[in-house]
Amino acid sequence: MSDPATNAGSSPHGIDYIAVEKSREFTELKRSQRSFVFPLAIAFLVWYFVYVLLSSFAVEFMSQRVWGDITVGLLFGLGQFVTTFAITMAYVWYANRNLDPKAEAIRNQLEKQEASA
């Protein structure tokens, strides 16, 4: 029976996934992803909480009519949906251009390593 401590992080195919996770390429991939996601998530949460706080504490402002029955609050609420779709599209664009090539390079390297094992 083999010692689990000696096989920690490796698969039956001999790939040391712990080493892969600590590699420069994987660390760069995580950094690239986080540097895009975290600022956008923070910006969206701020925008969302501004909307919630305004709807709770600035009722007169949010109930101002802009055109017909369209109010500022309704526009802000619809803006939440628009922002969500815009962030999703921006992330897909960013991932396709920046993250996917790095992830594919790591995957190709691991597949070569697995094939040679």
C-alpha atoms as a PDB file:
ATOM      1  CA  MET A   1       0.000   0.000   0.000  1.00  0.00           C
ATOM      2  CA  SER A   2       1.387   3.396  -0.900  1.00  0.00           C
ATOM      3  CA  ASP A   3       1.732   6.263   1.518  1.00  0.00           C
ATOM      4  CA  PRO A   4      -0.953   8.939   0.826  1.00  0.00           C
ATOM      5  CA  ALA A   5       1.444  11.713   1.836  1.00  0.00           C
ATOM      6  CA  THR A   6       3.826  10.834  -1.001  1.00  0.00           C
ATOM      7  CA  ASN A   7       1.011  10.912  -3.553  1.00  0.00           C
ATOM      8  CA  ALA A   8      -0.602  14.140  -2.338  1.00  0.00           C
ATOM      9  CA  GLY A   9      -1.473  16.345  -5.286  1.00  0.00           C
ATOM     10  CA  SER A  10      -0.680  13.779  -7.945  1.00  0.00           C
ATOM     11  CA  SER A  11      -3.069  11.741 -10.020  1.00  0.00           C
ATOM     12  CA  PRO A  12      -2.649   8.136 -11.130  1.00  0.00           C
ATOM     13  CA  HIS A  13      -1.172   9.601 -14.329  1.00  0.00           C
ATOM     14  CA  GLY A  14       1.694  11.256 -12.502  1.00  0.00           C
ATOM     15  CA  ILE A  15       0.642  14.903 -12.770  1.00  0.00           C
ATOM     16  CA  ASP A  16       1.435  16.888  -9.646  1.00  0.00           C
ATOM     17  CA  TYR A  17      -1.573  19.218  -9.488  1.00  0.00           C
ATOM     18  CA  ILE A  18      -0.244  21.018  -6.423  1.00  0.00           C
ATOM     19  CA  ALA A  19       2.867  21.963  -8.402  1.00  0.00           C
ATOM     20  CA  VAL A  20       0.688  23.036 -11.329  1.00  0.00           C
ATOM     21  CA  GLU A  21      -1.355  25.259  -9.023  1.00  0.00           C
ATOM     22  CA  LYS A  22       1.836  26.867  -7.713  1.00  0.00           C
ATOM     23  CA  SER A  23       3.379  27.274 -11.172  1.00  0.00           C
ATOM     24  CA  ARG A  24       4.064  30.718 -12.612  1.00  0.00           C
ATOM     25  CA  GLU A  25       1.636  30.138 -15.507  1.00  0.00           C
ATOM     26  CA  PHE A  26      -1.282  29.128 -13.268  1.00  0.00           C
ATOM     27  CA  THR A  27      -0.568  31.918 -10.795  1.00  0.00           C
ATOM     28  CA  GLU A  28      -0.599  34.396 -13.694  1.00  0.00           C
ATOM     29  CA  LEU A  29      -3.902  32.963 -14.922  1.00  0.00           C
ATOM     30  CA  LYS A  30      -5.482  33.387 -11.480  1.00  0.00           C
ATOM     31  CA  ARG A  31      -4.058  36.910 -11.152  1.00  0.00           C
ATOM     32  CA  SER A  32      -5.420  37.904 -14.560  1.00  0.00           C
ATOM     33  CA  GLN A  33      -8.861  36.546 -13.730  1.00  0.00           C
ATOM     34  CA  ARG A  34      -8.997  38.157 -10.300  1.00  0.00           C
ATOM     35  CA  SER A  35      -7.712  41.518 -11.543  1.00  0.00           C
ATOM     36  CA  PHE A  36     -10.699  41.681 -13.871  1.00  0.00           C
ATOM     37  CA  VAL A  37     -13.414  40.101 -11.719  1.00  0.00           C
ATOM     38  CA  PHE A  38     -12.828  41.764  -8.347  1.00  0.00           C
ATOM     39  CA  PRO A  39     -12.956  45.409  -9.498  1.00  0.00           C
ATOM     40  CA  LEU A  40     -16.073  44.748 -11.569  1.00  0.00           C
ATOM     41  CA  ALA A  41     -17.744  42.891  -8.711  1.00  0.00           C
ATOM     42  CA  ILE A  42     -16.986  45.722  -6.307  1.00  0.00           C
ATOM     43  CA  ALA A  43     -18.229  48.339  -8.783  1.00  0.00           C
ATOM     44  CA  PHE A  44     -21.442  46.400  -9.365  1.00  0.00           C
ATOM     45  CA  LEU A  45     -22.062  45.916  -5.645  1.00  0.00           C
ATOM     46  CA  VAL A  46     -21.542  49.626  -5.014  1.00  0.00           C
ATOM     47  CA  TRP A  47     -23.951  50.440  -7.859  1.00  0.00           C
ATOM     48  CA  TYR A  48     -26.490  47.937  -6.485  1.00  0.00           C
ATOM     49  CA  PHE A  49     -26.301  49.240  -2.910  1.00  0.00           C
ATOM     50  CA  VAL A  50     -26.583  52.845  -4.131  1.00  0.00           C
ATOM     51  CA  TYR A  51     -29.788  51.805  -5.887  1.00  0.00           C
ATOM     52  CA  VAL A  52     -31.132  50.057  -2.775  1.00  0.00           C
ATOM     53  CA  LEU A  53     -30.184  52.937  -0.477  1.00  0.00           C
ATOM     54  CA  LEU A  54     -31.651  55.537  -2.800  1.00  0.00           C
ATOM     55  CA  SER A  55     -34.892  53.580  -3.079  1.00  0.00           C
ATOM     56  CA  SER A  56     -35.066  53.376   0.721  1.00  0.00           C
ATOM     57  CA  PHE A  57     -33.901  56.835   1.748  1.00  0.00           C
ATOM     58  CA  ALA A  58     -34.421  59.082  -1.295  1.00  0.00           C
ATOM     59  CA  VAL A  59     -37.966  58.144  -2.160  1.00  0.00           C
ATOM     60  CA  GLU A  60     -38.808  61.573  -3.566  1.00  0.00           C
ATOM     61  CA  PHE A  61     -35.808  61.488  -5.891  1.00  0.00           C
ATOM     62  CA  MET A  62     -36.512  57.928  -7.045  1.00  0.00           C
ATOM     63  CA  SER A  63     -40.218  58.685  -7.627  1.00  0.00           C
ATOM     64  CA  GLN A  64     -39.569  61.702  -9.857  1.00  0.00           C
ATOM     65  CA  ARG A  65     -41.215  61.200 -13.216  1.00  0.00           C
ATOM     66  CA  VAL A  66     -38.866  61.372 -16.175  1.00  0.00           C
ATOM     67  CA  TRP A  67     -41.350  60.715 -18.947  1.00  0.00           C
ATOM     68  CA  GLY A  68     -44.972  59.630 -18.483  1.00  0.00           C
ATOM     69  CA  ASP A  69     -45.065  56.903 -15.849  1.00  0.00           C
ATOM     70  CA  ILE A  70     -41.298  56.299 -16.120  1.00  0.00           C
ATOM     71  CA  THR A  71     -39.557  57.278 -12.867  1.00  0.00           C
ATOM     72  CA  VAL A  72     -35.917  57.655 -11.894  1.00  0.00           C
ATOM     73  CA  GLY A  73     -36.266  54.520  -9.736  1.00  0.00           C
ATOM     74  CA  LEU A  74     -37.555  52.502 -12.665  1.00  0.00           C
ATOM     75  CA  LEU A  75     -34.646  53.654 -14.806  1.00  0.00           C
ATOM     76  CA  PHE A  76     -32.177  52.756 -12.062  1.00  0.00           C
ATOM     77  CA  GLY A  77     -33.834  49.346 -11.664  1.00  0.00           C
ATOM     78  CA  LEU A  78     -33.661  48.661 -15.393  1.00  0.00           C
ATOM     79  CA  GLY A  79     -30.072  49.882 -15.267  1.00  0.00           C
ATOM     80  CA  GLN A  80     -29.309  46.987 -12.926  1.00  0.00           C
ATOM     81  CA  PHE A  81     -30.285  44.542 -15.675  1.00  0.00           C
ATOM     82  CA  VAL A  82     -28.334  46.442 -18.309  1.00  0.00           C
ATOM     83  CA  THR A  83     -25.287  46.516 -16.047  1.00  0.00           C
ATOM     84  CA  THR A  84     -25.532  42.772 -15.409  1.00  0.00           C
ATOM     85  CA  PHE A  85     -25.616  41.997 -19.123  1.00  0.00           C
ATOM     86  CA  ALA A  86     -22.794  44.462 -19.837  1.00  0.00           C
ATOM     87  CA  ILE A  87     -20.583  42.911 -17.158  1.00  0.00           C
ATOM     88  CA  THR A  88     -21.313  39.432 -18.496  1.00  0.00           C
ATOM     89  CA  MET A  89     -20.447  40.454 -22.044  1.00  0.00           C
ATOM     90  CA  ALA A  90     -17.275  42.211 -20.871  1.00  0.00           C
ATOM     91  CA  TYR A  91     -16.178  39.135 -18.922  1.00  0.00           C
ATOM     92  CA  VAL A  92     -16.803  36.803 -21.864  1.00  0.00           C
ATOM     93  CA  TRP A  93     -14.808  39.126 -24.123  1.00  0.00           C
ATOM     94  CA  TYR A  94     -11.978  39.358 -21.580  1.00  0.00           C
ATOM     95  CA  ALA A  95     -11.942  35.607 -20.936  1.00  0.00           C
ATOM     96  CA  ASN A  96     -11.890  34.782 -24.643  1.00  0.00           C
ATOM     97  CA  ARG A  97      -8.968  37.138 -25.282  1.00  0.00           C
ATOM     98  CA  ASN A  98      -6.905  36.811 -22.105  1.00  0.00           C
ATOM     99  CA  LEU A  99      -7.869  33.875 -19.911  1.00  0.00           C
ATOM    100  CA  ASP A 100      -8.718  31.135 -22.383  1.00  0.00           C
ATOM    101  CA  PRO A 101      -5.362  31.199 -24.231  1.00  0.00           C
ATOM    102  CA  LYS A 102      -3.488  30.923 -20.917  1.00  0.00           C
ATOM    103  CA  ALA A 103      -5.753  28.129 -19.684  1.00  0.00           C
ATOM    104  CA  GLU A 104      -5.413  26.288 -22.982  1.00  0.00           C
ATOM    105  CA  ALA A 105      -1.620  26.509 -22.804  1.00  0.00           C
ATOM    106  CA  ILE A 106      -1.668  25.021 -19.297  1.00  0.00           C
ATOM    107  CA  ARG A 107      -4.070  22.288 -20.408  1.00  0.00           C
ATOM    108  CA  ASN A 108      -1.927  21.428 -23.437  1.00  0.00           C
ATOM    109  CA  GLN A 109       1.148  21.240 -21.245  1.00  0.00           C
ATOM    110  CA  LEU A 110      -0.650  18.878 -18.835  1.00  0.00           C
ATOM    111  CA  GLU A 111      -1.963  16.715 -21.677  1.00  0.00           C
ATOM    112  CA  LYS A 112       1.568  16.351 -23.077  1.00  0.00           C
ATOM    113  CA  GLN A 113       2.847  15.519 -19.617  1.00  0.00           C
ATOM    114  CA  GLU A 114       0.087  12.936 -19.163  1.00  0.00           C
ATOM    115  CA  ALA A 115       0.723  11.373 -22.565  1.00  0.00           C
ATOM    116  CA  SER A 116       4.425  10.970 -21.815  1.00  0.00           C
ATOM    117  CA  ALA A 117       3.737   9.310 -18.430  1.00  0.00           C
END
